[in-house]
Amino acid sequence: MVTNVNLIVGTTHNNAPINMSVKRAAVDLIKDGTYDQGLINKIEMCYRAYDPCLSCATHFLDGKFALKIDILNHNGELVDILQNF
C-alpha cells in the first residue's frame, strides 16, 4: 500500500518553457497584425513538444486539441479570439 507519494507532473514542470514557446511562436507567426486559423496548429505544436499527455488528455471526442488563443495588441488589449472548438 502506498502511503506517501511525491509526483513531478510534466505539465507543472514544463509550464514555463511551454509559455515561452507559445509566446515566441506568436511573435514569430503574427506579422503586421496578420494571422489565420493555421496559427492554432503551430501553437498546439508548442504544447506537444513539452507535454504530449496534456494535449491528449484535453482533446474533444472528435480528436481535436481544445485550444483558445487570445490575440492581444501591443497595449495588451484583446483584438481577436481564435479557437478550434
N, C-alpha and C. Protein backbone atom coordinates (compact mmCIF):
# COMPACT_ATOMS: atom_id res chain seq x y z
N MET A 1 0.83 -1.17 0.00
CA MET A 1 0.00 0.00 0.00
C MET A 1 0.89 1.25 0.00
N VAL A 2 0.55 2.18 -0.87
CA VAL A 2 1.29 3.44 -0.94
C VAL A 2 0.70 4.41 0.08
N THR A 3 1.55 4.98 0.91
CA THR A 3 1.07 5.90 1.93
C THR A 3 1.52 7.33 1.71
N ASN A 4 2.55 7.52 0.85
CA ASN A 4 3.04 8.87 0.60
C ASN A 4 3.65 8.91 -0.80
N VAL A 5 3.25 9.89 -1.59
CA VAL A 5 3.75 10.00 -2.96
C VAL A 5 4.08 11.45 -3.26
N ASN A 6 5.19 11.66 -3.94
CA ASN A 6 5.56 12.99 -4.41
C ASN A 6 5.70 12.91 -5.92
N LEU A 7 4.73 13.45 -6.65
CA LEU A 7 4.73 13.38 -8.10
C LEU A 7 5.32 14.64 -8.72
N ILE A 8 6.12 14.44 -9.74
CA ILE A 8 6.60 15.57 -10.55
C ILE A 8 5.86 15.44 -11.87
N VAL A 9 4.85 16.26 -12.06
CA VAL A 9 3.98 16.18 -13.22
C VAL A 9 4.57 17.03 -14.34
N GLY A 10 4.65 16.43 -15.53
CA GLY A 10 5.26 17.10 -16.67
C GLY A 10 4.67 18.47 -16.97
N THR A 11 3.37 18.59 -16.87
CA THR A 11 2.71 19.87 -17.17
C THR A 11 3.20 20.96 -16.22
N THR A 12 3.28 20.66 -14.95
CA THR A 12 3.75 21.64 -13.97
C THR A 12 5.23 21.95 -14.18
N HIS A 13 6.02 20.92 -14.37
CA HIS A 13 7.46 21.08 -14.55
C HIS A 13 7.79 21.88 -15.81
N ASN A 14 7.00 21.70 -16.87
CA ASN A 14 7.28 22.34 -18.15
C ASN A 14 6.46 23.59 -18.43
N ASN A 15 5.75 24.08 -17.44
CA ASN A 15 4.87 25.23 -17.66
C ASN A 15 5.62 26.45 -18.19
N ALA A 16 6.73 26.80 -17.60
CA ALA A 16 7.49 27.98 -18.05
C ALA A 16 7.99 27.83 -19.49
N PRO A 17 8.64 26.70 -19.84
CA PRO A 17 9.08 26.57 -21.23
C PRO A 17 7.93 26.52 -22.24
N ILE A 18 6.78 25.93 -21.83
CA ILE A 18 5.62 25.92 -22.72
C ILE A 18 5.19 27.36 -23.00
N ASN A 19 5.06 28.15 -21.94
CA ASN A 19 4.65 29.54 -22.11
C ASN A 19 5.62 30.34 -22.96
N MET A 20 6.91 30.12 -22.77
CA MET A 20 7.91 30.83 -23.57
C MET A 20 7.83 30.43 -25.03
N SER A 21 7.60 29.16 -25.30
CA SER A 21 7.48 28.69 -26.68
C SER A 21 6.23 29.24 -27.36
N VAL A 22 5.12 29.27 -26.64
CA VAL A 22 3.89 29.82 -27.20
C VAL A 22 4.07 31.30 -27.52
N LYS A 23 4.69 32.04 -26.61
CA LYS A 23 4.91 33.47 -26.85
C LYS A 23 5.82 33.67 -28.06
N ARG A 24 6.91 32.91 -28.13
CA ARG A 24 7.84 33.04 -29.25
C ARG A 24 7.15 32.71 -30.58
N ALA A 25 6.32 31.66 -30.57
CA ALA A 25 5.59 31.29 -31.79
C ALA A 25 4.65 32.42 -32.20
N ALA A 26 3.95 33.00 -31.24
CA ALA A 26 3.03 34.08 -31.56
C ALA A 26 3.77 35.28 -32.14
N VAL A 27 4.89 35.64 -31.53
CA VAL A 27 5.68 36.77 -32.02
C VAL A 27 6.20 36.50 -33.42
N ASP A 28 6.65 35.29 -33.65
CA ASP A 28 7.20 34.93 -34.97
C ASP A 28 6.13 34.77 -36.05
N LEU A 29 4.93 34.33 -35.66
CA LEU A 29 3.91 33.97 -36.65
C LEU A 29 2.90 35.07 -36.94
N ILE A 30 2.75 36.03 -36.05
CA ILE A 30 1.82 37.14 -36.29
C ILE A 30 2.64 38.31 -36.82
N LYS A 31 2.48 38.59 -38.09
CA LYS A 31 3.24 39.66 -38.75
C LYS A 31 2.30 40.75 -39.21
N ASP A 32 2.57 42.00 -38.80
CA ASP A 32 1.77 43.15 -39.19
C ASP A 32 0.29 42.94 -38.89
N GLY A 33 0.00 42.26 -37.79
CA GLY A 33 -1.37 42.02 -37.39
C GLY A 33 -2.08 40.96 -38.22
N THR A 34 -1.32 40.23 -39.06
CA THR A 34 -1.91 39.22 -39.92
C THR A 34 -1.67 37.83 -39.35
N TYR A 35 -2.73 37.06 -39.27
CA TYR A 35 -2.68 35.69 -38.78
C TYR A 35 -3.89 34.96 -39.33
N ASP A 36 -3.90 33.65 -39.20
CA ASP A 36 -5.05 32.88 -39.66
C ASP A 36 -5.27 31.69 -38.73
N GLN A 37 -6.24 30.88 -39.05
CA GLN A 37 -6.59 29.73 -38.23
C GLN A 37 -5.44 28.73 -38.13
N GLY A 38 -4.51 28.75 -39.09
CA GLY A 38 -3.35 27.86 -39.04
C GLY A 38 -2.46 28.13 -37.84
N LEU A 39 -2.59 29.30 -37.26
CA LEU A 39 -1.82 29.63 -36.06
C LEU A 39 -2.13 28.64 -34.94
N ILE A 40 -3.36 28.17 -34.87
CA ILE A 40 -3.75 27.21 -33.83
C ILE A 40 -2.89 25.95 -33.92
N ASN A 41 -2.68 25.43 -35.12
CA ASN A 41 -1.87 24.22 -35.27
C ASN A 41 -0.44 24.43 -34.82
N LYS A 42 0.12 25.58 -35.12
CA LYS A 42 1.50 25.85 -34.74
C LYS A 42 1.64 26.04 -33.23
N ILE A 43 0.66 26.67 -32.61
CA ILE A 43 0.69 26.84 -31.16
C ILE A 43 0.52 25.47 -30.49
N GLU A 44 -0.34 24.63 -31.05
CA GLU A 44 -0.53 23.29 -30.49
C GLU A 44 0.79 22.51 -30.48
N MET A 45 1.62 22.71 -31.49
CA MET A 45 2.91 22.02 -31.53
C MET A 45 3.79 22.42 -30.35
N CYS A 46 3.65 23.65 -29.88
CA CYS A 46 4.42 24.08 -28.71
C CYS A 46 4.07 23.25 -27.49
N TYR A 47 2.78 22.97 -27.32
CA TYR A 47 2.37 22.13 -26.19
C TYR A 47 2.88 20.71 -26.36
N ARG A 48 2.66 20.14 -27.53
CA ARG A 48 3.02 18.74 -27.75
C ARG A 48 4.52 18.49 -27.58
N ALA A 49 5.34 19.47 -27.89
CA ALA A 49 6.79 19.30 -27.76
C ALA A 49 7.21 19.05 -26.31
N TYR A 50 6.50 19.66 -25.38
CA TYR A 50 6.87 19.54 -23.97
C TYR A 50 5.98 18.57 -23.20
N ASP A 51 4.74 18.44 -23.62
CA ASP A 51 3.80 17.66 -22.83
C ASP A 51 2.76 16.98 -23.72
N PRO A 52 3.13 15.87 -24.34
CA PRO A 52 2.17 15.18 -25.21
C PRO A 52 0.95 14.68 -24.45
N CYS A 53 1.06 14.42 -23.18
CA CYS A 53 -0.07 13.93 -22.40
C CYS A 53 -1.14 15.01 -22.23
N LEU A 54 -0.74 16.26 -22.06
CA LEU A 54 -1.72 17.33 -21.89
C LEU A 54 -2.60 17.45 -23.10
N SER A 55 -2.03 17.40 -24.27
CA SER A 55 -2.83 17.55 -25.48
C SER A 55 -3.78 16.37 -25.67
N CYS A 56 -3.37 15.19 -25.29
CA CYS A 56 -4.26 14.03 -25.40
C CYS A 56 -5.34 14.05 -24.33
N ALA A 57 -4.98 14.48 -23.14
CA ALA A 57 -5.92 14.46 -22.02
C ALA A 57 -7.01 15.51 -22.15
N THR A 58 -6.78 16.55 -22.94
CA THR A 58 -7.73 17.65 -23.01
C THR A 58 -8.44 17.75 -24.35
N HIS A 59 -8.31 16.74 -25.22
CA HIS A 59 -8.96 16.83 -26.52
C HIS A 59 -10.44 16.44 -26.43
N PHE A 60 -11.18 16.88 -27.42
CA PHE A 60 -12.59 16.52 -27.52
C PHE A 60 -12.71 15.14 -28.14
N LEU A 61 -13.92 14.65 -28.20
CA LEU A 61 -14.14 13.32 -28.76
C LEU A 61 -13.80 13.23 -30.24
N ASP A 62 -13.83 14.35 -30.95
CA ASP A 62 -13.51 14.31 -32.37
C ASP A 62 -12.01 14.34 -32.63
N GLY A 63 -11.20 14.29 -31.58
CA GLY A 63 -9.76 14.21 -31.74
C GLY A 63 -9.04 15.53 -31.77
N LYS A 64 -9.76 16.63 -31.65
CA LYS A 64 -9.10 17.94 -31.66
C LYS A 64 -8.59 18.29 -30.28
N PHE A 65 -7.46 18.95 -30.25
CA PHE A 65 -6.90 19.52 -29.04
C PHE A 65 -7.63 20.84 -28.82
N ALA A 66 -8.38 20.97 -27.74
CA ALA A 66 -9.15 22.18 -27.48
C ALA A 66 -8.21 23.34 -27.16
N LEU A 67 -8.19 24.31 -28.04
CA LEU A 67 -7.26 25.42 -27.89
C LEU A 67 -7.95 26.74 -28.17
N LYS A 68 -7.77 27.70 -27.29
CA LYS A 68 -8.30 29.05 -27.46
C LYS A 68 -7.13 30.01 -27.37
N ILE A 69 -7.00 30.87 -28.36
CA ILE A 69 -5.90 31.83 -28.39
C ILE A 69 -6.48 33.24 -28.36
N ASP A 70 -6.10 34.01 -27.36
CA ASP A 70 -6.47 35.42 -27.30
C ASP A 70 -5.38 36.22 -28.00
N ILE A 71 -5.77 36.99 -29.01
CA ILE A 71 -4.82 37.85 -29.74
C ILE A 71 -4.90 39.23 -29.10
N LEU A 72 -3.77 39.70 -28.57
CA LEU A 72 -3.69 41.00 -27.91
C LEU A 72 -2.85 41.95 -28.74
N ASN A 73 -3.17 43.23 -28.67
CA ASN A 73 -2.32 44.22 -29.34
C ASN A 73 -1.16 44.60 -28.41
N HIS A 74 -0.35 45.54 -28.85
CA HIS A 74 0.83 45.91 -28.07
C HIS A 74 0.49 46.55 -26.73
N ASN A 75 -0.76 46.99 -26.55
CA ASN A 75 -1.20 47.54 -25.27
C ASN A 75 -1.85 46.49 -24.38
N GLY A 76 -1.87 45.25 -24.84
CA GLY A 76 -2.47 44.18 -24.07
C GLY A 76 -3.98 44.11 -24.19
N GLU A 77 -4.56 44.82 -25.17
CA GLU A 77 -6.00 44.82 -25.37
C GLU A 77 -6.39 43.68 -26.32
N LEU A 78 -7.47 43.01 -26.00
CA LEU A 78 -7.96 41.91 -26.81
C LEU A 78 -8.46 42.42 -28.15
N VAL A 79 -7.93 41.84 -29.24
CA VAL A 79 -8.38 42.24 -30.58
C VAL A 79 -9.08 41.10 -31.31
N ASP A 80 -8.82 39.85 -30.91
CA ASP A 80 -9.46 38.72 -31.57
C ASP A 80 -9.29 37.47 -30.72
N ILE A 81 -10.10 36.48 -31.01
CA ILE A 81 -10.01 35.18 -30.35
C ILE A 81 -10.04 34.11 -31.43
N LEU A 82 -9.06 33.22 -31.40
CA LEU A 82 -9.06 32.05 -32.27
C LEU A 82 -9.30 30.83 -31.41
N GLN A 83 -10.17 29.95 -31.87
CA GLN A 83 -10.40 28.70 -31.13
C GLN A 83 -10.83 27.62 -32.10
N ASN A 84 -10.58 26.39 -31.71
CA ASN A 84 -10.93 25.28 -32.58
C ASN A 84 -12.01 24.40 -31.97
N PHE A 85 -12.83 24.95 -31.10
CA PHE A 85 -13.93 24.18 -30.52
C PHE A 85 -15.19 25.00 -30.54
